[in-house]
Amino acid sequence: MKKQFDQASEGVRAQAQEMGLGDDIVAQGSCAGGMARAGSDMDITIRASPDRFDEIINDPNIVPNRILHPNPGSAAERTRNLIIQ
C-alpha cells in the first residue's frame, strides 16, 4: 500500500503544481494512520494558504461542479462545508 500511495502522491503533487496549487500534500484517513487495507481509498489533502484557498474554493477549473454547487443536505454539501471550515 505504501508504494501505491507514494505513486499516487507523486501524481497528485505534479498535477497540483501544474494547476498552481503548490505541493504541500498530506495523507489523511487510514493511509496516514497505517490502517489501510486492500480496497481502502486514499484521502489526500493539498494545503494552501488562506488567501490562495479563497481564490480556488470557487474556481470551476479546480473544484468539481458537485462541490461548487452541491445539492442541499448531500454528502457533497457536507464536504464543501467541512473544507471551508
PDB file of N, CA and C in Angstrom:
ATOM      1  N   MET A   1       0.830  -1.195   0.000  1.00  0.00           N
ATOM      2  CA  MET A   1       0.000   0.000   0.000  1.00  0.00           C
ATOM      3  C   MET A   1       0.871   1.255   0.000  1.00  0.00           C
ATOM      4  N   LYS A   2       2.012   1.227   0.680  1.00  0.00           N
ATOM      5  CA  LYS A   2       2.883   2.402   0.723  1.00  0.00           C
ATOM      6  C   LYS A   2       3.369   2.768  -0.673  1.00  0.00           C
ATOM      7  N   LYS A   3       3.761   1.765  -1.450  1.00  0.00           N
ATOM      8  CA  LYS A   3       4.230   2.030  -2.809  1.00  0.00           C
ATOM      9  C   LYS A   3       3.107   2.665  -3.627  1.00  0.00           C
ATOM     10  N   GLN A   4       1.900   2.146  -3.490  1.00  0.00           N
ATOM     11  CA  GLN A   4       0.752   2.688  -4.216  1.00  0.00           C
ATOM     12  C   GLN A   4       0.495   4.133  -3.788  1.00  0.00           C
ATOM     13  N   PHE A   5       0.558   4.389  -2.487  1.00  0.00           N
ATOM     14  CA  PHE A   5       0.352   5.759  -2.006  1.00  0.00           C
ATOM     15  C   PHE A   5       1.445   6.686  -2.528  1.00  0.00           C
ATOM     16  N   ASP A   6       2.695   6.234  -2.490  1.00  0.00           N
ATOM     17  CA  ASP A   6       3.800   7.064  -2.976  1.00  0.00           C
ATOM     18  C   ASP A   6       3.609   7.424  -4.445  1.00  0.00           C
ATOM     19  N   GLN A   7       3.182   6.459  -5.252  1.00  0.00           N
ATOM     20  CA  GLN A   7       2.946   6.724  -6.670  1.00  0.00           C
ATOM     21  C   GLN A   7       1.796   7.708  -6.851  1.00  0.00           C
ATOM     22  N   ALA A   8       0.719   7.512  -6.110  1.00  0.00           N
ATOM     23  CA  ALA A   8      -0.428   8.408  -6.211  1.00  0.00           C
ATOM     24  C   ALA A   8      -0.061   9.812  -5.757  1.00  0.00           C
ATOM     25  N   SER A   9       0.690   9.923  -4.669  1.00  0.00           N
ATOM     26  CA  SER A   9       1.033  11.252  -4.159  1.00  0.00           C
ATOM     27  C   SER A   9       1.955  11.987  -5.122  1.00  0.00           C
ATOM     28  N   GLU A  10       2.833  11.256  -5.823  1.00  0.00           N
ATOM     29  CA  GLU A  10       3.679  11.904  -6.832  1.00  0.00           C
ATOM     30  C   GLU A  10       2.821  12.482  -7.943  1.00  0.00           C
ATOM     31  N   GLY A  11       1.830  11.723  -8.387  1.00  0.00           N
ATOM     32  CA  GLY A  11       0.919  12.207  -9.427  1.00  0.00           C
ATOM     33  C   GLY A  11       0.110  13.401  -8.978  1.00  0.00           C
ATOM     34  N   VAL A  12      -0.401  13.333  -7.752  1.00  0.00           N
ATOM     35  CA  VAL A  12      -1.184  14.451  -7.209  1.00  0.00           C
ATOM     36  C   VAL A  12      -0.302  15.682  -7.072  1.00  0.00           C
ATOM     37  N   ARG A  13       0.901  15.483  -6.559  1.00  0.00           N
ATOM     38  CA  ARG A  13       1.832  16.605  -6.378  1.00  0.00           C
ATOM     39  C   ARG A  13       2.151  17.269  -7.727  1.00  0.00           C
ATOM     40  N   ALA A  14       2.406  16.474  -8.752  1.00  0.00           N
ATOM     41  CA  ALA A  14       2.719  17.018 -10.078  1.00  0.00           C
ATOM     42  C   ALA A  14       1.517  17.770 -10.649  1.00  0.00           C
ATOM     43  N   GLN A  15       0.332  17.191 -10.528  1.00  0.00           N
ATOM     44  CA  GLN A  15      -0.889  17.849 -11.037  1.00  0.00           C
ATOM     45  C   GLN A  15      -1.165  19.139 -10.272  1.00  0.00           C
ATOM     46  N   ALA A  16      -0.982  19.117  -8.959  1.00  0.00           N
ATOM     47  CA  ALA A  16      -1.201  20.315  -8.150  1.00  0.00           C
ATOM     48  C   ALA A  16      -0.234  21.420  -8.556  1.00  0.00           C
ATOM     49  N   GLN A  17       1.003  21.059  -8.809  1.00  0.00           N
ATOM     50  CA  GLN A  17       1.997  22.051  -9.249  1.00  0.00           C
ATOM     51  C   GLN A  17       1.573  22.665 -10.586  1.00  0.00           C
ATOM     52  N   GLU A  18       1.134  21.820 -11.528  1.00  0.00           N
ATOM     53  CA  GLU A  18       0.684  22.309 -12.837  1.00  0.00           C
ATOM     54  C   GLU A  18      -0.483  23.277 -12.703  1.00  0.00           C
ATOM     55  N   MET A  19      -1.335  23.036 -11.733  1.00  0.00           N
ATOM     56  CA  MET A  19      -2.518  23.882 -11.529  1.00  0.00           C
ATOM     57  C   MET A  19      -2.218  25.097 -10.653  1.00  0.00           C
ATOM     58  N   GLY A  20      -0.973  25.232 -10.206  1.00  0.00           N
ATOM     59  CA  GLY A  20      -0.603  26.363  -9.371  1.00  0.00           C
ATOM     60  C   GLY A  20      -1.075  26.247  -7.937  1.00  0.00           C
ATOM     61  N   LEU A  21      -1.268  25.023  -7.467  1.00  0.00           N
ATOM     62  CA  LEU A  21      -1.771  24.809  -6.113  1.00  0.00           C
ATOM     63  C   LEU A  21      -0.678  24.545  -5.092  1.00  0.00           C
ATOM     64  N   GLY A  22       0.566  24.454  -5.528  1.00  0.00           N
ATOM     65  CA  GLY A  22       1.657  24.139  -4.615  1.00  0.00           C
ATOM     66  C   GLY A  22       1.844  22.643  -4.507  1.00  0.00           C
ATOM     67  N   ASP A  23       2.705  22.224  -3.589  1.00  0.00           N
ATOM     68  CA  ASP A  23       2.981  20.792  -3.474  1.00  0.00           C
ATOM     69  C   ASP A  23       2.945  20.296  -2.032  1.00  0.00           C
ATOM     70  N   ASP A  24       2.228  21.001  -1.178  1.00  0.00           N
ATOM     71  CA  ASP A  24       2.103  20.584   0.218  1.00  0.00           C
ATOM     72  C   ASP A  24       0.979  19.556   0.312  1.00  0.00           C
ATOM     73  N   ILE A  25       1.323  18.296   0.114  1.00  0.00           N
ATOM     74  CA  ILE A  25       0.362  17.197   0.057  1.00  0.00           C
ATOM     75  C   ILE A  25       0.384  16.446   1.384  1.00  0.00           C
ATOM     76  N   VAL A  26      -0.802  16.154   1.900  1.00  0.00           N
ATOM     77  CA  VAL A  26      -0.922  15.477   3.184  1.00  0.00           C
ATOM     78  C   VAL A  26      -1.872  14.281   3.034  1.00  0.00           C
ATOM     79  N   ALA A  27      -1.448  13.143   3.557  1.00  0.00           N
ATOM     80  CA  ALA A  27      -2.326  11.966   3.589  1.00  0.00           C
ATOM     81  C   ALA A  27      -3.176  12.032   4.852  1.00  0.00           C
ATOM     82  N   GLN A  28      -4.419  11.604   4.714  1.00  0.00           N
ATOM     83  CA  GLN A  28      -5.314  11.549   5.858  1.00  0.00           C
ATOM     84  C   GLN A  28      -6.004  10.196   5.874  1.00  0.00           C
ATOM     85  N   GLY A  29      -6.763   9.949   6.883  1.00  0.00           N
ATOM     86  CA  GLY A  29      -7.525   8.711   6.949  1.00  0.00           C
ATOM     87  C   GLY A  29      -6.661   7.504   7.249  1.00  0.00           C
ATOM     88  N   SER A  30      -7.104   6.350   6.745  1.00  0.00           N
ATOM     89  CA  SER A  30      -6.448   5.086   7.090  1.00  0.00           C
ATOM     90  C   SER A  30      -5.023   4.998   6.557  1.00  0.00           C
ATOM     91  N   CYS A  31      -4.740   5.643   5.412  1.00  0.00           N
ATOM     92  CA  CYS A  31      -3.361   5.627   4.895  1.00  0.00           C
ATOM     93  C   CYS A  31      -2.416   6.315   5.871  1.00  0.00           C
ATOM     94  N   ALA A  32      -2.817   7.458   6.351  1.00  0.00           N
ATOM     95  CA  ALA A  32      -1.968   8.216   7.271  1.00  0.00           C
ATOM     96  C   ALA A  32      -1.805   7.490   8.599  1.00  0.00           C
ATOM     97  N   GLY A  33      -2.851   6.800   9.010  1.00  0.00           N
ATOM     98  CA  GLY A  33      -2.809   6.103  10.291  1.00  0.00           C
ATOM     99  C   GLY A  33      -2.207   4.711  10.219  1.00  0.00           C
ATOM    100  N   GLY A  34      -1.806   4.295   9.006  1.00  0.00           N
ATOM    101  CA  GLY A  34      -1.230   2.973   8.854  1.00  0.00           C
ATOM    102  C   GLY A  34      -2.246   1.849   8.968  1.00  0.00           C
ATOM    103  N   MET A  35      -3.514   2.170   8.809  1.00  0.00           N
ATOM    104  CA  MET A  35      -4.579   1.179   8.962  1.00  0.00           C
ATOM    105  C   MET A  35      -5.194   0.782   7.621  1.00  0.00           C
ATOM    106  N   ALA A  36      -4.624   1.238   6.510  1.00  0.00           N
ATOM    107  CA  ALA A  36      -5.192   0.953   5.193  1.00  0.00           C
ATOM    108  C   ALA A  36      -5.145  -0.540   4.903  1.00  0.00           C
ATOM    109  N   ARG A  37      -6.191  -1.005   4.236  1.00  0.00           N
ATOM    110  CA  ARG A  37      -6.284  -2.401   3.808  1.00  0.00           C
ATOM    111  C   ARG A  37      -6.500  -2.421   2.302  1.00  0.00           C
ATOM    112  N   ALA A  38      -6.415  -3.588   1.719  1.00  0.00           N
ATOM    113  CA  ALA A  38      -6.717  -3.712   0.298  1.00  0.00           C
ATOM    114  C   ALA A  38      -8.127  -3.170   0.071  1.00  0.00           C
ATOM    115  N   GLY A  39      -8.270  -2.326  -0.907  1.00  0.00           N
ATOM    116  CA  GLY A  39      -9.572  -1.731  -1.208  1.00  0.00           C
ATOM    117  C   GLY A  39      -9.835  -0.415  -0.492  1.00  0.00           C
ATOM    118  N   SER A  40      -8.964  -0.018   0.434  1.00  0.00           N
ATOM    119  CA  SER A  40      -9.138   1.272   1.115  1.00  0.00           C
ATOM    120  C   SER A  40      -8.911   2.403   0.121  1.00  0.00           C
ATOM    121  N   ASP A  41      -9.658   3.479   0.290  1.00  0.00           N
ATOM    122  CA  ASP A  41      -9.418   4.639  -0.559  1.00  0.00           C
ATOM    123  C   ASP A  41      -8.263   5.449   0.011  1.00  0.00           C
ATOM    124  N   MET A  42      -7.803   6.423  -0.755  1.00  0.00           N
ATOM    125  CA  MET A  42      -6.727   7.302  -0.307  1.00  0.00           C
ATOM    126  C   MET A  42      -7.297   8.702  -0.112  1.00  0.00           C
ATOM    127  N   ASP A  43      -7.168   9.216   1.075  1.00  0.00           N
ATOM    128  CA  ASP A  43      -7.616  10.571   1.382  1.00  0.00           C
ATOM    129  C   ASP A  43      -6.402  11.476   1.307  1.00  0.00           C
ATOM    130  N   ILE A  44      -6.403  12.383   0.351  1.00  0.00           N
ATOM    131  CA  ILE A  44      -5.267  13.266   0.123  1.00  0.00           C
ATOM    132  C   ILE A  44      -5.741  14.709   0.195  1.00  0.00           C
ATOM    133  N   THR A  45      -5.004  15.520   0.923  1.00  0.00           N
ATOM    134  CA  THR A  45      -5.304  16.936   1.060  1.00  0.00           C
ATOM    135  C   THR A  45      -4.155  17.748   0.488  1.00  0.00           C
ATOM    136  N   ILE A  46      -4.489  18.817  -0.210  1.00  0.00           N
ATOM    137  CA  ILE A  46      -3.482  19.770  -0.673  1.00  0.00           C
ATOM    138  C   ILE A  46      -3.675  21.018   0.173  1.00  0.00           C
ATOM    139  N   ARG A  47      -2.673  21.330   0.983  1.00  0.00           N
ATOM    140  CA  ARG A  47      -2.785  22.509   1.852  1.00  0.00           C
ATOM    141  C   ARG A  47      -2.442  23.770   1.066  1.00  0.00           C
ATOM    142  N   ALA A  48      -3.202  24.815   1.341  1.00  0.00           N
ATOM    143  CA  ALA A  48      -2.987  26.107   0.679  1.00  0.00           C
ATOM    144  C   ALA A  48      -3.091  27.205   1.721  1.00  0.00           C
ATOM    145  N   SER A  49      -2.468  28.331   1.437  1.00  0.00           N
ATOM    146  CA  SER A  49      -2.581  29.482   2.336  1.00  0.00           C
ATOM    147  C   SER A  49      -4.032  29.955   2.335  1.00  0.00           C
ATOM    148  N   PRO A  50      -4.466  30.655   3.370  1.00  0.00           N
ATOM    149  CA  PRO A  50      -5.839  31.162   3.393  1.00  0.00           C
ATOM    150  C   PRO A  50      -6.175  32.021   2.169  1.00  0.00           C
ATOM    151  N   ASP A  51      -5.250  32.861   1.730  1.00  0.00           N
ATOM    152  CA  ASP A  51      -5.524  33.698   0.562  1.00  0.00           C
ATOM    153  C   ASP A  51      -5.694  32.851  -0.690  1.00  0.00           C
ATOM    154  N   ARG A  52      -4.826  31.871  -0.870  1.00  0.00           N
ATOM    155  CA  ARG A  52      -4.912  31.001  -2.047  1.00  0.00           C
ATOM    156  C   ARG A  52      -6.168  30.146  -1.976  1.00  0.00           C
ATOM    157  N   PHE A  53      -6.522  29.687  -0.788  1.00  0.00           N
ATOM    158  CA  PHE A  53      -7.739  28.894  -0.617  1.00  0.00           C
ATOM    159  C   PHE A  53      -8.953  29.694  -1.073  1.00  0.00           C
ATOM    160  N   ASP A  54      -9.032  30.966  -0.657  1.00  0.00           N
ATOM    161  CA  ASP A  54     -10.162  31.807  -1.049  1.00  0.00           C
ATOM    162  C   ASP A  54     -10.249  31.954  -2.565  1.00  0.00           C
ATOM    163  N   GLU A  55      -9.103  31.961  -3.236  1.00  0.00           N
ATOM    164  CA  GLU A  55      -9.090  32.057  -4.693  1.00  0.00           C
ATOM    165  C   GLU A  55      -9.604  30.782  -5.355  1.00  0.00           C
ATOM    166  N   ILE A  56      -9.221  29.628  -4.815  1.00  0.00           N
ATOM    167  CA  ILE A  56      -9.519  28.386  -5.519  1.00  0.00           C
ATOM    168  C   ILE A  56     -10.835  27.722  -5.137  1.00  0.00           C
ATOM    169  N   ILE A  57     -11.396  28.026  -3.962  1.00  0.00           N
ATOM    170  CA  ILE A  57     -12.574  27.295  -3.500  1.00  0.00           C
ATOM    171  C   ILE A  57     -13.770  27.453  -4.442  1.00  0.00           C
ATOM    172  N   ASN A  58     -13.826  28.534  -5.200  1.00  0.00           N
ATOM    173  CA  ASN A  58     -14.931  28.745  -6.133  1.00  0.00           C
ATOM    174  C   ASN A  58     -14.484  28.718  -7.589  1.00  0.00           C
ATOM    175  N   ASP A  59     -13.308  28.170  -7.851  1.00  0.00           N
ATOM    176  CA  ASP A  59     -12.773  28.113  -9.211  1.00  0.00           C
ATOM    177  C   ASP A  59     -13.250  26.836  -9.907  1.00  0.00           C
ATOM    178  N   PRO A  60     -14.107  26.957 -10.920  1.00  0.00           N
ATOM    179  CA  PRO A  60     -14.629  25.760 -11.593  1.00  0.00           C
ATOM    180  C   PRO A  60     -13.575  24.987 -12.371  1.00  0.00           C
ATOM    181  N   ASN A  61     -12.414  25.569 -12.592  1.00  0.00           N
ATOM    182  CA  ASN A  61     -11.329  24.851 -13.252  1.00  0.00           C
ATOM    183  C   ASN A  61     -10.590  23.930 -12.285  1.00  0.00           C
ATOM    184  N   ILE A  62     -10.838  24.105 -10.997  1.00  0.00           N
ATOM    185  CA  ILE A  62     -10.145  23.319  -9.971  1.00  0.00           C
ATOM    186  C   ILE A  62     -11.122  22.459  -9.176  1.00  0.00           C
ATOM    187  N   VAL A  63     -12.215  23.058  -8.750  1.00  0.00           N
ATOM    188  CA  VAL A  63     -13.167  22.377  -7.867  1.00  0.00           C
ATOM    189  C   VAL A  63     -14.297  21.771  -8.703  1.00  0.00           C
ATOM    190  N   PRO A  64     -14.588  20.485  -8.516  1.00  0.00           N
ATOM    191  CA  PRO A  64     -15.668  19.845  -9.285  1.00  0.00           C
ATOM    192  C   PRO A  64     -17.017  20.523  -9.051  1.00  0.00           C
ATOM    193  N   ASN A  65     -17.848  20.527 -10.079  1.00  0.00           N
ATOM    194  CA  ASN A  65     -19.154  21.175 -10.010  1.00  0.00           C
ATOM    195  C   ASN A  65     -20.006  20.642  -8.860  1.00  0.00           C
ATOM    196  N   ARG A  66     -19.900  19.334  -8.562  1.00  0.00           N
ATOM    197  CA  ARG A  66     -20.723  18.764  -7.481  1.00  0.00           C
ATOM    198  C   ARG A  66     -20.333  19.337  -6.121  1.00  0.00           C
ATOM    199  N   ILE A  67     -19.110  19.866  -6.005  1.00  0.00           N
ATOM    200  CA  ILE A  67     -18.679  20.517  -4.764  1.00  0.00           C
ATOM    201  C   ILE A  67     -18.976  22.014  -4.830  1.00  0.00           C
ATOM    202  N   LEU A  68     -18.839  22.605  -6.026  1.00  0.00           N
ATOM    203  CA  LEU A  68     -19.152  24.034  -6.183  1.00  0.00           C
ATOM    204  C   LEU A  68     -20.631  24.307  -5.915  1.00  0.00           C
ATOM    205  N   HIS A  69     -21.484  23.438  -6.441  1.00  0.00           N
ATOM    206  CA  HIS A  69     -22.939  23.628  -6.351  1.00  0.00           C
ATOM    207  C   HIS A  69     -23.601  22.338  -5.861  1.00  0.00           C
ATOM    208  N   PRO A  70     -23.358  21.974  -4.616  1.00  0.00           N
ATOM    209  CA  PRO A  70     -23.900  20.702  -4.118  1.00  0.00           C
ATOM    210  C   PRO A  70     -25.399  20.780  -3.849  1.00  0.00           C
ATOM    211  N   ASN A  71     -26.043  19.624  -3.897  1.00  0.00           N
ATOM    212  CA  ASN A  71     -27.446  19.548  -3.519  1.00  0.00           C
ATOM    213  C   ASN A  71     -27.550  19.736  -2.008  1.00  0.00           C
ATOM    214  N   PRO A  72     -28.533  20.524  -1.573  1.00  0.00           N
ATOM    215  CA  PRO A  72     -28.705  20.726  -0.128  1.00  0.00           C
ATOM    216  C   PRO A  72     -28.857  19.399   0.614  1.00  0.00           C
ATOM    217  N   GLY A  73     -28.111  19.268   1.700  1.00  0.00           N
ATOM    218  CA  GLY A  73     -28.181  18.079   2.532  1.00  0.00           C
ATOM    219  C   GLY A  73     -27.355  16.901   2.033  1.00  0.00           C
ATOM    220  N   SER A  74     -26.692  17.069   0.896  1.00  0.00           N
ATOM    221  CA  SER A  74     -25.924  15.972   0.312  1.00  0.00           C
ATOM    222  C   SER A  74     -24.557  15.821   0.973  1.00  0.00           C
ATOM    223  N   ALA A  75     -23.926  14.683   0.695  1.00  0.00           N
ATOM    224  CA  ALA A  75     -22.565  14.459   1.177  1.00  0.00           C
ATOM    225  C   ALA A  75     -21.628  15.516   0.592  1.00  0.00           C
ATOM    226  N   ALA A  76     -21.869  15.908  -0.659  1.00  0.00           N
ATOM    227  CA  ALA A  76     -21.037  16.936  -1.286  1.00  0.00           C
ATOM    228  C   ALA A  76     -21.162  18.272  -0.551  1.00  0.00           C
ATOM    229  N   GLU A  77     -22.366  18.603  -0.107  1.00  0.00           N
ATOM    230  CA  GLU A  77     -22.538  19.845   0.660  1.00  0.00           C
ATOM    231  C   GLU A  77     -21.801  19.759   1.989  1.00  0.00           C
ATOM    232  N   ARG A  78     -21.879  18.615   2.643  1.00  0.00           N
ATOM    233  CA  ARG A  78     -21.156  18.440   3.904  1.00  0.00           C
ATOM    234  C   ARG A  78     -19.648  18.534   3.672  1.00  0.00           C
ATOM    235  N   THR A  79     -19.180  17.960   2.569  1.00  0.00           N
ATOM    236  CA  THR A  79     -17.758  18.035   2.230  1.00  0.00           C
ATOM    237  C   THR A  79     -17.345  19.485   2.013  1.00  0.00           C
ATOM    238  N   ARG A  80     -18.119  20.228   1.234  1.00  0.00           N
ATOM    239  CA  ARG A  80     -17.792  21.641   0.964  1.00  0.00           C
ATOM    240  C   ARG A  80     -17.757  22.431   2.269  1.00  0.00           C
ATOM    241  N   ASN A  81     -18.747  22.233   3.124  1.00  0.00           N
ATOM    242  CA  ASN A  81     -18.782  22.954   4.402  1.00  0.00           C
ATOM    243  C   ASN A  81     -17.579  22.593   5.273  1.00  0.00           C
ATOM    244  N   LEU A  82     -17.187  21.332   5.267  1.00  0.00           N
ATOM    245  CA  LEU A  82     -16.032  20.898   6.039  1.00  0.00           C
ATOM    246  C   LEU A  82     -14.751  21.525   5.483  1.00  0.00           C
ATOM    247  N   ILE A  83     -14.632  21.563   4.160  1.00  0.00           N
ATOM    248  CA  ILE A  83     -13.461  22.168   3.526  1.00  0.00           C
ATOM    249  C   ILE A  83     -13.346  23.640   3.924  1.00  0.00           C
ATOM    250  N   ILE A  84     -14.443  24.341   3.911  1.00  0.00           N
ATOM    251  CA  ILE A  84     -14.436  25.783   4.200  1.00  0.00           C
ATOM    252  C   ILE A  84     -14.120  26.066   5.663  1.00  0.00           C
ATOM    253  N   GLN A  85     -14.506  25.165   6.559  1.00  0.00           N
ATOM    254  CA  GLN A  85     -14.220  25.373   7.970  1.00  0.00           C
ATOM    255  C   GLN A  85     -12.730  25.372   8.169  1.00  0.00           C
TER     256      GLN A  85
END
